Amino acid sequence: MPETIGALVDRLSVVNLKMWWKQEGLYAVRKMDFEQFKAKYGTDDGLREIYDIFKDATDLNCQRNDLIDELDRVIDSAIKAGAAPVQDSHKSY
């Protein structure tokens, strides 16, 4: 059963948040000069840390792109199928 638009948007928002938090680890590098970078990440443990951050961020970005593509397909299918009309007004009683 294909996912709903709402479910895909929910999954996309979760992946976006995870990616945002993972990328926070990369922003520390922006403020470093090369010597500081070498001192922090120049060891095997440091290289593993920065590798894990890059790998996780790029994996999440790929998931994000896949979800966007799937969302586009679902929306396109809904439009082609002539989705049910939207109710213009709601009664509040």
Protein backbone atom coordinates (compact mmCIF):
# COMPACT_ATOMS: atom_id res chain seq x y z
CA MET A 1 0.00 0.00 0.00
CA PRO A 2 1.51 3.34 -0.99
CA GLU A 3 2.20 5.85 1.73
CA THR A 4 0.01 8.87 2.17
CA ILE A 5 1.23 12.38 1.50
CA GLY A 6 1.00 13.10 5.23
CA ALA A 7 3.09 10.06 6.15
CA LEU A 8 5.76 11.00 3.62
CA VAL A 9 5.87 14.60 4.86
CA ASP A 10 6.20 13.29 8.42
CA ARG A 11 9.11 11.02 7.45
CA LEU A 12 10.71 13.86 5.49
CA SER A 13 10.51 16.20 8.48
CA VAL A 14 12.15 13.60 10.74
CA VAL A 15 15.00 13.04 8.26
CA ASN A 16 15.44 16.82 7.86
CA LEU A 17 15.77 17.22 11.63
CA LYS A 18 18.25 14.35 11.90
CA MET A 19 20.29 15.79 9.05
CA TRP A 20 20.25 19.27 10.62
CA TRP A 21 21.54 17.93 13.93
CA LYS A 22 24.22 15.84 12.23
CA GLN A 23 25.41 18.83 10.21
CA GLU A 24 25.82 20.83 13.41
CA GLY A 25 28.95 18.72 13.97
CA LEU A 26 30.33 20.00 10.68
CA TYR A 27 29.82 23.66 11.52
CA ALA A 28 32.54 23.46 14.17
CA VAL A 29 34.99 22.90 11.31
CA ARG A 30 34.01 26.24 9.74
CA LYS A 31 35.54 28.11 12.67
CA MET A 32 38.82 26.19 12.66
CA ASP A 33 41.97 26.92 10.79
CA PHE A 34 43.86 23.97 9.34
CA GLU A 35 46.13 23.55 12.37
CA GLN A 36 43.15 23.38 14.73
CA PHE A 37 41.47 20.89 12.41
CA LYS A 38 44.61 18.76 12.30
CA ALA A 39 44.91 18.84 16.09
CA LYS A 40 41.30 17.76 16.61
CA TYR A 41 40.88 15.27 13.77
CA GLY A 42 44.46 14.26 12.93
CA THR A 43 44.34 11.03 14.93
CA ASP A 44 42.62 7.76 14.07
CA ASP A 45 39.88 8.55 16.61
CA GLY A 46 39.49 12.06 15.21
CA LEU A 47 39.34 10.81 11.65
CA ARG A 48 36.73 8.22 12.66
CA GLU A 49 34.66 10.98 14.30
CA ILE A 50 34.69 13.29 11.27
CA TYR A 51 34.15 10.34 8.90
CA ASP A 52 31.08 9.24 10.87
CA ILE A 53 29.65 12.77 10.79
CA PHE A 54 30.17 13.09 7.02
CA LYS A 55 28.85 9.60 6.32
CA ASP A 56 25.73 10.03 8.44
CA ALA A 57 25.01 13.48 6.95
CA THR A 58 25.36 12.23 3.37
CA ASP A 59 23.29 9.09 4.08
CA LEU A 60 20.54 11.26 5.56
CA ASN A 61 20.71 13.56 2.54
CA CYS A 62 20.22 10.56 0.23
CA GLN A 63 17.22 9.44 2.31
CA ARG A 64 15.87 12.99 2.11
CA ASN A 65 16.20 13.04 -1.68
CA ASP A 66 14.50 9.64 -1.98
CA LEU A 67 11.60 10.83 0.18
CA ILE A 68 11.24 14.02 -1.88
CA ASP A 69 11.14 11.93 -5.07
CA GLU A 70 8.54 9.58 -3.56
CA LEU A 71 6.46 12.52 -2.35
CA ASP A 72 6.57 14.01 -5.85
CA ARG A 73 5.35 10.68 -7.31
CA VAL A 74 2.49 10.39 -4.81
CA ILE A 75 1.37 13.98 -5.38
CA ASP A 76 1.59 13.51 -9.15
CA SER A 77 -0.51 10.33 -8.91
CA ALA A 78 -3.10 12.08 -6.74
CA ILE A 79 -3.37 14.94 -9.22
CA LYS A 80 -3.68 12.56 -12.19
CA ALA A 81 -6.30 10.51 -10.35
CA GLY A 82 -8.35 13.63 -9.68
CA ALA A 83 -8.16 13.63 -5.91
CA ALA A 84 -11.36 14.23 -3.96
CA PRO A 85 -12.49 17.83 -3.73
CA VAL A 86 -11.45 19.87 -0.72
CA GLN A 87 -14.17 21.06 1.61
CA ASP A 88 -14.22 24.86 1.48
CA SER A 89 -15.94 25.57 4.78
CA HIS A 90 -16.36 23.91 8.13
CA LYS A 91 -19.32 24.16 10.43
CA SER A 92 -18.35 24.93 13.99
CA TYR A 93 -21.46 23.57 15.72
